[in-house]
């Protein structure tokens, strides 16, 4: 995140009803050493964002050269007044690497948390991993978590520890807390504030398929460029634009398009679309084989009624409520307008996904941290208010979503909290 992200409310003065705080309970300066630690730990390769020249990254490793198609788009962006830079990636880029996205790395060169943190913890520091083991609930007394109840292949397992660290994600973490209600915690564990599950954010993401000037093909799933010219622009805060990588196979895209039509109530058009699938599939394959995808990632705002709750019909299941306010819809359109101008000399395709509530890969905010127990779930060190041994370190803790990928902030904050616990 950038320094301005830690003072979120001033970036959206016209937002009505949002629970944006004036400040995060910690500052960018507090996080900066942990950002640098995380960048070194995960061996990031990239370059400095020229829109933020004060944030130097001399410890970045050197990335491989841009592929020729991406280099053409880099030149196109620069010629049109934008400031592209190499997207930082935690990857070793061994021969044959295409920057895999969304699946396990076949070349063992993705520096993810499993490779960098989990495996060394198991191999060198006596950590233990329980496979195919589901946490069912947390048992507690008034002041602490006393045990973790799990199910492994139908067998009940009870785990105990002096410190419990929860990182199930911004959807599953609140579900687990709400399930773990007791007489002492009738509204859910750590939920005296009533905020567990509330303030859900997810980012508004659109895709832009850009055509390199030479219209040459590209090697595949590559994420190489980003720019932040519209992160804050003309009094508005939007977000970043970055390489997306590859879309799913055409058959998967077509199925998704048909489902979107049915969800919109356009059943007749969906039926015609289904009949035309054999003709549409090769057309899509041809279109996207020559284009490079970029994602616009725009900050969304927290609201109390955007939330995760337990299902009314099945207690163990979660229910998600998320509504886009007119203020946010207007911001989405303004961001699209600016990018349409920036890409006007390119025969780009806009794939609108921002309004699709199934796009929740960046879910966050459902157990926000803060200084006062009445308006936050966690304290500034991510410990649950009222519980002396429960820490939450996934994206639930965000009080605002910023306008960029959350991964580095999650890693940096985990290092910060680990230092506090140690």
Protein backbone atom coordinates (compact mmCIF):
# COMPACT_ATOMS: atom_id res chain seq x y z
CA UNK A 1 0.00 0.00 0.00
CA UNK A 2 1.03 3.67 -0.33
CA UNK A 3 1.25 6.26 2.50
CA UNK A 4 -2.06 7.82 1.46
CA UNK A 5 -3.82 4.47 1.98
CA UNK A 6 -3.24 4.75 5.72
CA UNK A 7 -5.43 7.90 5.90
CA UNK A 8 -8.40 6.54 3.95
CA UNK A 9 -11.28 8.87 4.85
CA UNK A 10 -9.72 12.01 3.39
CA UNK A 11 -9.53 10.25 0.00
CA UNK A 12 -13.33 9.86 -0.16
CA UNK A 13 -14.90 12.97 1.41
CA UNK A 14 -18.18 12.55 -0.49
CA UNK A 15 -18.85 8.94 0.53
CA UNK A 16 -22.06 8.78 2.56
CA UNK A 17 -22.56 6.10 5.19
CA UNK A 18 -19.16 4.48 4.84
CA UNK A 19 -17.29 3.39 7.96
CA UNK A 20 -13.92 4.52 6.58
CA UNK A 21 -11.71 5.59 9.50
CA UNK A 22 -9.68 8.78 9.47
CA UNK A 23 -6.52 6.76 10.03
CA UNK A 24 -5.36 3.19 10.32
CA UNK A 25 -4.20 2.47 13.90
CA UNK A 26 -0.68 2.12 12.48
CA UNK A 27 1.10 4.31 9.94
CA UNK A 28 2.97 3.65 6.72
CA UNK A 29 6.18 4.43 8.62
CA UNK A 30 5.29 1.68 11.10
CA UNK A 31 4.85 -0.79 8.25
CA UNK A 32 7.77 0.26 6.05
CA UNK A 33 10.47 -1.94 7.67
CA UNK A 34 8.15 -4.94 7.43
CA UNK A 35 7.38 -4.18 3.78
CA UNK A 36 11.12 -4.25 3.10
CA UNK A 37 11.51 -7.45 5.13
CA UNK A 38 8.73 -9.13 3.15
CA UNK A 39 10.18 -7.97 -0.18
CA UNK A 40 13.54 -9.50 0.72
CA UNK A 41 12.02 -12.65 2.20
CA UNK A 42 9.97 -13.41 -0.91
CA UNK A 43 12.81 -12.35 -3.25
CA UNK A 44 10.79 -9.85 -5.24
CA UNK A 45 11.86 -8.95 -8.76
CA UNK A 46 10.62 -5.73 -10.30
CA UNK A 47 11.31 -2.01 -10.61
CA UNK A 48 10.38 1.18 -8.77
CA UNK A 49 7.00 2.76 -9.47
CA UNK A 50 7.88 6.09 -11.08
CA UNK A 51 4.56 7.59 -9.92
CA UNK A 52 5.86 7.18 -6.36
CA UNK A 53 9.59 7.97 -6.72
CA UNK A 54 10.04 8.52 -2.99
CA UNK A 55 9.33 4.84 -2.28
CA UNK A 56 12.66 3.34 -3.33
CA UNK A 57 13.18 -0.40 -3.69
CA UNK A 58 16.94 -0.90 -4.11
CA UNK A 59 16.71 -4.43 -2.75
CA UNK A 60 14.52 -5.66 -5.63
CA UNK A 61 16.17 -8.39 -7.65
CA UNK A 62 16.47 -7.96 -11.41
CA UNK A 63 13.52 -9.36 -13.42
CA UNK A 64 13.96 -11.04 -16.80
CA UNK A 65 13.52 -8.86 -19.91
CA UNK A 66 10.00 -8.07 -21.06
CA UNK A 67 8.63 -10.30 -23.78
CA UNK A 68 8.45 -8.46 -27.10
CA UNK A 69 4.64 -8.05 -27.06
CA UNK A 70 4.66 -6.58 -23.56
CA UNK A 71 7.56 -4.31 -24.51
CA UNK A 72 5.39 -2.91 -27.31
CA UNK A 73 2.65 -2.11 -24.81
CA UNK A 74 5.19 -0.61 -22.42
CA UNK A 75 6.25 1.75 -25.22
CA UNK A 76 2.59 2.46 -26.06
CA UNK A 77 1.86 3.42 -22.46
CA UNK A 78 4.93 5.66 -22.27
CA UNK A 79 4.14 7.34 -25.58
CA UNK A 80 0.67 8.14 -24.25
CA UNK A 81 1.92 9.81 -21.09
CA UNK A 82 1.61 6.90 -18.67
CA UNK A 83 4.34 5.67 -16.31
CA UNK A 84 4.60 1.87 -16.52
CA UNK A 85 6.98 -0.10 -14.34
CA UNK A 86 7.87 -3.75 -13.86
CA UNK A 87 5.26 -5.42 -11.69
CA UNK A 88 7.04 -6.86 -8.62
CA UNK A 89 6.80 -10.64 -8.58
CA UNK A 90 7.94 -13.26 -6.10
CA UNK A 91 9.33 -15.66 -8.65
CA UNK A 92 12.68 -17.17 -9.65
CA UNK A 93 11.79 -17.27 -13.38
CA UNK A 94 13.58 -20.52 -14.17
CA UNK A 95 13.81 -21.55 -17.86
CA UNK A 96 10.33 -22.30 -19.18
CA UNK A 97 8.58 -20.20 -16.51
CA UNK A 98 5.55 -18.27 -17.76
CA UNK A 99 4.55 -16.79 -14.43
CA UNK A 100 1.80 -19.21 -13.42
CA UNK A 101 -1.27 -17.65 -11.85
CA UNK A 102 -3.99 -19.19 -9.77
CA UNK A 103 -2.58 -22.71 -9.64
CA UNK A 104 0.33 -24.67 -8.20
CA UNK A 105 3.68 -23.92 -9.78
CA UNK A 106 4.95 -26.83 -11.94
CA UNK A 107 8.54 -25.52 -11.88
CA UNK A 108 8.93 -24.90 -8.13
CA UNK A 109 9.98 -21.30 -8.78
CA UNK A 110 7.00 -19.37 -7.36
CA UNK A 111 8.07 -17.85 -4.06
CA UNK A 112 4.73 -18.28 -2.34
CA UNK A 113 4.11 -18.70 1.37
CA UNK A 114 4.32 -22.48 1.11
CA UNK A 115 7.79 -22.46 -0.43
CA UNK A 116 9.20 -19.52 1.52
CA UNK A 117 7.57 -19.94 4.94
CA UNK A 118 5.63 -23.15 5.48
CA UNK A 119 8.09 -25.75 4.21
CA UNK A 120 11.10 -24.26 6.06
CA UNK A 121 8.99 -24.11 9.24
CA UNK A 122 8.22 -27.82 8.90
CA UNK A 123 11.68 -28.93 7.76
CA UNK A 124 13.82 -26.78 10.08
CA UNK A 125 11.74 -25.60 13.03
CA UNK A 126 9.57 -28.57 14.01
CA UNK A 127 6.27 -27.10 12.81
CA UNK A 128 3.52 -29.63 12.10
CA UNK A 129 0.93 -29.48 9.31
CA UNK A 130 -2.37 -31.35 9.71
CA UNK A 131 -3.62 -32.26 6.25
CA UNK A 132 -7.33 -32.42 5.34
CA UNK A 133 -8.19 -31.13 8.79
CA UNK A 134 -11.12 -28.72 9.18
CA UNK A 135 -11.44 -26.34 12.12
CA UNK A 136 -15.02 -26.63 13.38
CA UNK A 137 -15.06 -24.06 16.19
CA UNK A 138 -12.97 -22.28 18.79
CA UNK A 139 -13.81 -23.00 22.42
CA UNK A 140 -13.25 -20.21 24.89
CA UNK A 141 -13.82 -18.81 28.34
CA UNK A 142 -14.37 -15.13 29.09
CA UNK A 143 -10.79 -14.07 28.38
CA UNK A 144 -9.10 -16.59 26.09
CA UNK A 145 -9.44 -19.34 23.52
CA UNK A 146 -9.05 -22.63 25.37
CA UNK A 147 -9.07 -25.10 22.47
CA UNK A 148 -9.50 -25.51 18.74
CA UNK A 149 -11.99 -28.21 17.72
CA UNK A 150 -11.18 -29.91 14.40
CA UNK A 151 -12.47 -32.70 12.20
CA UNK A 152 -10.01 -34.90 10.32
CA UNK A 153 -11.58 -37.64 8.23
CA UNK A 154 -14.55 -37.81 10.61
CA UNK A 155 -12.39 -37.93 13.73
CA UNK A 156 -12.64 -35.17 16.33
CA UNK A 157 -9.32 -33.54 17.21
CA UNK A 158 -8.80 -31.04 20.02
CA UNK A 159 -5.82 -28.68 19.76
CA UNK A 160 -4.58 -26.42 22.55
CA UNK A 161 -1.94 -23.72 22.65
CA UNK A 162 -0.89 -20.63 24.54
CA UNK A 163 -1.39 -18.49 21.42
CA UNK A 164 -3.98 -19.05 18.69
CA UNK A 165 -3.40 -17.41 15.30
CA UNK A 166 -6.35 -17.40 12.90
CA UNK A 167 -5.81 -16.79 9.18
CA UNK A 168 -8.70 -18.46 7.38
CA UNK A 169 -9.42 -15.50 5.09
CA UNK A 170 -11.89 -12.64 5.26
CA UNK A 171 -14.86 -14.94 4.56
CA UNK A 172 -14.08 -18.01 6.65
CA UNK A 173 -12.54 -16.24 9.65
CA UNK A 174 -15.75 -14.35 10.56
CA UNK A 175 -17.81 -17.47 9.86
CA UNK A 176 -15.72 -19.42 12.36
CA UNK A 177 -15.96 -16.67 14.98
CA UNK A 178 -19.73 -16.39 14.58
CA UNK A 179 -20.06 -20.19 14.89
CA UNK A 180 -18.01 -20.14 18.10
CA UNK A 181 -20.58 -18.28 20.19
CA UNK A 182 -20.96 -19.15 23.89
CA UNK A 183 -22.76 -17.78 26.94
CA UNK A 184 -19.80 -15.45 27.44
CA UNK A 185 -19.77 -14.52 23.73
CA UNK A 186 -23.46 -14.79 22.67
CA UNK A 187 -23.01 -12.86 19.42
CA UNK A 188 -19.93 -14.75 18.35
CA UNK A 189 -16.38 -14.98 19.59
CA UNK A 190 -14.59 -11.60 19.77
CA UNK A 191 -17.83 -9.91 18.70
CA UNK A 192 -18.71 -7.55 21.55
CA UNK A 193 -18.54 -4.74 18.98
CA UNK A 194 -20.98 -6.47 16.63
CA UNK A 195 -18.51 -5.90 13.78
CA UNK A 196 -17.39 -9.47 13.09
CA UNK A 197 -18.33 -10.13 9.48
CA UNK A 198 -19.22 -6.51 8.70
CA UNK A 199 -17.43 -3.98 6.45
CA UNK A 200 -16.75 -6.55 3.73
CA UNK A 201 -14.69 -5.19 0.84
CA UNK A 202 -13.53 -6.98 -2.32
CA UNK A 203 -12.12 -4.46 -4.85
CA UNK A 204 -13.77 -3.55 -8.15
CA UNK A 205 -11.88 -5.30 -10.94
CA UNK A 206 -12.35 -4.89 -14.70
CA UNK A 207 -10.28 -6.52 -17.44
CA UNK A 208 -8.86 -4.77 -20.50
CA UNK A 209 -7.64 -6.84 -23.45
CA UNK A 210 -5.01 -4.76 -25.26
CA UNK A 211 -3.59 -5.47 -28.69
CA UNK A 212 0.18 -5.04 -29.17
CA UNK A 213 0.83 -2.80 -32.21
CA UNK A 214 2.42 -5.64 -34.17
CA UNK A 215 -0.54 -7.91 -33.27
CA UNK A 216 1.92 -10.67 -32.53
CA UNK A 217 1.02 -13.45 -30.18
CA UNK A 218 2.43 -13.64 -26.68
CA UNK A 219 3.98 -16.54 -24.72
CA UNK A 220 1.02 -17.03 -22.40
CA UNK A 221 0.34 -16.35 -18.75
CA UNK A 222 2.66 -13.39 -18.15
CA UNK A 223 2.29 -10.65 -15.55
CA UNK A 224 4.91 -8.02 -16.28
CA UNK A 225 3.65 -4.41 -16.18
CA UNK A 226 1.69 -2.03 -13.98
CA UNK A 227 1.00 1.70 -13.74
CA UNK A 228 -0.51 3.94 -11.07
CA UNK A 229 -1.24 7.15 -12.97
CA UNK A 230 -4.89 6.99 -11.85
CA UNK A 231 -4.32 5.84 -8.27
CA UNK A 232 -5.19 9.38 -7.26
CA UNK A 233 -6.35 11.54 -10.14
CA UNK A 234 -8.19 14.86 -10.38
CA UNK A 235 -9.51 14.66 -6.83
CA UNK A 236 -10.57 11.01 -7.09
CA UNK A 237 -8.93 7.91 -5.71
CA UNK A 238 -9.24 4.98 -8.09
CA UNK A 239 -6.52 2.32 -8.07
CA UNK A 240 -3.83 0.47 -9.96
CA UNK A 241 -3.70 -1.14 -13.40
CA UNK A 242 -1.58 -4.25 -13.81
CA UNK A 243 -0.97 -7.23 -16.05
CA UNK A 244 -3.54 -9.90 -15.36
CA UNK A 245 -2.00 -12.98 -16.94
CA UNK A 246 -4.14 -15.43 -18.86
CA UNK A 247 -7.88 -15.87 -18.89
CA UNK A 248 -9.37 -19.30 -18.22
CA UNK A 249 -9.89 -21.55 -21.28
CA UNK A 250 -12.57 -20.30 -23.74
CA UNK A 251 -15.02 -23.01 -22.66
CA UNK A 252 -14.89 -21.74 -19.07
CA UNK A 253 -15.34 -18.12 -20.20
CA UNK A 254 -18.36 -19.04 -22.32
CA UNK A 255 -20.00 -20.92 -19.47
CA UNK A 256 -19.48 -17.87 -17.27
CA UNK A 257 -20.98 -15.54 -19.87
CA UNK A 258 -24.05 -17.77 -20.18
CA UNK A 259 -24.45 -17.82 -16.39
CA UNK A 260 -24.18 -14.01 -16.24
CA UNK A 261 -26.99 -13.71 -18.78
CA UNK A 262 -29.23 -16.02 -16.77
CA UNK A 263 -28.41 -14.19 -13.53
CA UNK A 264 -29.51 -10.96 -15.24
CA UNK A 265 -32.83 -12.60 -16.18
CA UNK A 266 -32.04 -12.65 -19.90
CA UNK A 267 -32.97 -16.31 -20.32
CA UNK A 268 -33.90 -16.06 -23.99
CA UNK A 269 -30.55 -14.57 -24.91
CA UNK A 270 -28.81 -17.15 -22.70
CA UNK A 271 -30.58 -19.95 -24.61
CA UNK A 272 -29.42 -18.53 -27.95
CA UNK A 273 -25.94 -18.07 -26.52
CA UNK A 274 -25.86 -21.73 -25.49
CA UNK A 275 -26.79 -22.85 -29.01
CA UNK A 276 -24.02 -20.68 -30.46
CA UNK A 277 -21.26 -21.97 -28.16
CA UNK A 278 -19.50 -24.08 -30.83
CA UNK A 279 -19.18 -20.97 -33.02
CA UNK A 280 -18.20 -18.59 -30.22
CA UNK A 281 -15.42 -20.76 -28.79
CA UNK A 282 -12.92 -20.47 -31.70
CA UNK A 283 -13.67 -16.76 -32.07
CA UNK A 284 -12.76 -16.11 -28.44
CA UNK A 285 -9.64 -18.23 -28.75
CA UNK A 286 -8.50 -16.20 -31.76
CA UNK A 287 -9.25 -12.84 -30.11
CA UNK A 288 -7.44 -13.53 -26.86
CA UNK A 289 -4.46 -15.34 -28.39
CA UNK A 290 -3.23 -11.96 -29.69
CA UNK A 291 -4.14 -9.75 -26.76
CA UNK A 292 -2.58 -9.07 -23.38
CA UNK A 293 -4.87 -8.65 -20.41
CA UNK A 294 -4.65 -5.89 -17.83
CA UNK A 295 -6.75 -5.59 -14.70
CA UNK A 296 -7.93 -2.32 -13.19
CA UNK A 297 -8.17 -2.71 -9.41
CA UNK A 298 -10.23 0.00 -7.72
CA UNK A 299 -10.63 0.60 -4.01
CA UNK A 300 -14.09 -0.14 -2.64
CA UNK A 301 -15.30 1.25 0.68
CA UNK A 302 -16.50 -0.42 3.88
CA UNK A 303 -20.19 -0.34 4.83
CA UNK A 304 -21.80 -2.05 7.82
CA UNK A 305 -24.38 -3.93 5.74
CA UNK A 306 -21.81 -5.39 3.35
CA UNK A 307 -21.07 -8.43 5.40
CA UNK A 308 -20.54 -12.12 6.02
CA UNK A 309 -23.14 -13.86 8.19
CA UNK A 310 -24.19 -17.39 8.99
CA UNK A 311 -26.83 -18.84 6.69
CA UNK A 312 -30.41 -18.73 7.96
CA UNK A 313 -30.99 -22.26 6.68
CA UNK A 314 -27.69 -24.03 7.37
CA UNK A 315 -25.82 -22.84 10.46
CA UNK A 316 -22.42 -24.06 9.25
CA UNK A 317 -22.59 -22.21 5.93
CA UNK A 318 -21.82 -18.57 5.32
CA UNK A 319 -23.99 -16.01 3.61
CA UNK A 320 -22.56 -12.97 1.82
CA UNK A 321 -24.34 -9.63 1.44
CA UNK A 322 -22.74 -6.99 -0.77
CA UNK A 323 -24.36 -3.96 -2.38
CA UNK A 324 -22.64 -1.37 -4.59
CA UNK A 325 -23.62 2.17 -3.60
CA UNK A 326 -24.35 4.85 -6.23
CA UNK A 327 -21.19 6.67 -5.12
CA UNK A 328 -19.09 3.59 -5.92
CA UNK A 329 -20.91 2.94 -9.19
CA UNK A 330 -20.07 6.48 -10.24
CA UNK A 331 -16.41 5.95 -9.34
CA UNK A 332 -16.33 2.71 -11.36
CA UNK A 333 -17.61 4.58 -14.41
CA UNK A 334 -15.18 7.48 -13.93
CA UNK A 335 -12.27 5.03 -13.76
CA UNK A 336 -13.50 3.30 -16.92
CA UNK A 337 -13.77 6.66 -18.68
CA UNK A 338 -10.19 7.58 -17.80
CA UNK A 339 -8.82 4.23 -18.97
CA UNK A 340 -10.84 4.41 -22.18
CA UNK A 341 -9.14 7.73 -22.92
CA UNK A 342 -5.72 6.33 -22.03
CA UNK A 343 -6.23 3.29 -24.28
CA UNK A 344 -8.09 5.12 -27.07
CA UNK A 345 -5.29 4.60 -29.60
CA UNK A 346 -5.43 0.85 -28.97
CA UNK A 347 -8.20 -1.48 -30.14
CA UNK A 348 -8.87 -2.60 -26.60
CA UNK A 349 -11.73 -4.70 -25.28
CA UNK A 350 -13.30 -3.96 -21.90
CA UNK A 351 -14.52 -6.99 -19.96
CA UNK A 352 -16.71 -5.55 -17.21
CA UNK A 353 -16.42 -7.46 -13.95
CA UNK A 354 -16.51 -4.75 -11.29
CA UNK A 355 -20.24 -5.16 -10.60
CA UNK A 356 -20.03 -8.95 -10.42
CA UNK A 357 -20.31 -9.91 -6.75
CA UNK A 358 -18.83 -13.32 -7.46
CA UNK A 359 -15.45 -11.63 -7.96
CA UNK A 360 -14.25 -11.63 -4.35
CA UNK A 361 -10.63 -12.77 -4.61
CA UNK A 362 -9.52 -9.70 -2.61
CA UNK A 363 -12.13 -10.03 0.16
CA UNK A 364 -11.10 -8.11 3.27
CA UNK A 365 -12.26 -5.98 6.19
CA UNK A 366 -14.54 -8.33 8.13
CA UNK A 367 -12.58 -8.19 11.43
CA UNK A 368 -11.06 -4.72 11.26
CA UNK A 369 -8.36 -3.56 13.63
CA UNK A 370 -8.49 -0.27 15.52
CA UNK A 371 -7.77 1.51 18.77
CA UNK A 372 -11.18 1.29 20.49
CA UNK A 373 -13.01 -2.00 21.22
CA UNK A 374 -16.39 -0.46 20.44
CA UNK A 375 -15.52 0.20 16.77
CA UNK A 376 -13.09 -2.60 15.94
CA UNK A 377 -12.62 -6.34 16.41
CA UNK A 378 -8.84 -6.33 16.84
CA UNK A 379 -6.35 -4.03 18.51
CA UNK A 380 -3.45 -2.41 16.65
CA UNK A 381 -1.39 -5.60 17.02
CA UNK A 382 -4.17 -7.79 15.59
CA UNK A 383 -5.13 -9.34 18.93
CA UNK A 384 -8.86 -9.77 19.43
CA UNK A 385 -10.35 -7.32 21.91
CA UNK A 386 -11.24 -9.13 25.13
CA UNK A 387 -9.22 -12.25 24.33
CA UNK A 388 -5.65 -12.44 25.52
CA UNK A 389 -4.43 -15.15 23.14
CA UNK A 390 -6.31 -14.85 19.81
CA UNK A 391 -4.68 -13.08 16.85
CA UNK A 392 -6.12 -12.67 13.34
CA UNK A 393 -3.61 -12.00 10.55
CA UNK A 394 -5.50 -12.53 7.28
CA UNK A 395 -7.08 -9.71 5.25
CA UNK A 396 -9.99 -9.50 7.71
CA UNK A 397 -8.05 -6.87 9.64
CA UNK A 398 -8.08 -4.19 6.90
CA UNK A 399 -10.15 -1.10 7.85
CA UNK A 400 -9.92 -0.02 4.19
CA UNK A 401 -9.05 -1.92 1.02
CA UNK A 402 -6.65 0.50 -0.74
CA UNK A 403 -6.46 0.32 -4.53
CA UNK A 404 -3.89 -2.36 -5.19
CA UNK A 405 -3.10 -6.01 -4.58
CA UNK A 406 -3.12 -6.77 -0.82
CA UNK A 407 -0.53 -9.58 -0.79
CA UNK A 408 2.54 -7.62 0.29
CA UNK A 409 0.64 -5.78 3.04
CA UNK A 410 -0.63 -9.11 4.38
CA UNK A 411 2.89 -10.57 4.42
CA UNK A 412 4.38 -7.45 6.01
CA UNK A 413 1.71 -7.27 8.70
CA UNK A 414 2.13 -10.95 9.52
CA UNK A 415 5.83 -10.28 10.13
CA UNK A 416 4.94 -7.28 12.30
CA UNK A 417 2.46 -9.24 14.40
CA UNK A 418 4.83 -12.21 14.72
CA UNK A 419 7.42 -9.85 16.19
CA UNK A 420 4.87 -8.64 18.75
CA UNK A 421 3.90 -12.19 19.72
CA UNK A 422 7.52 -13.32 20.01
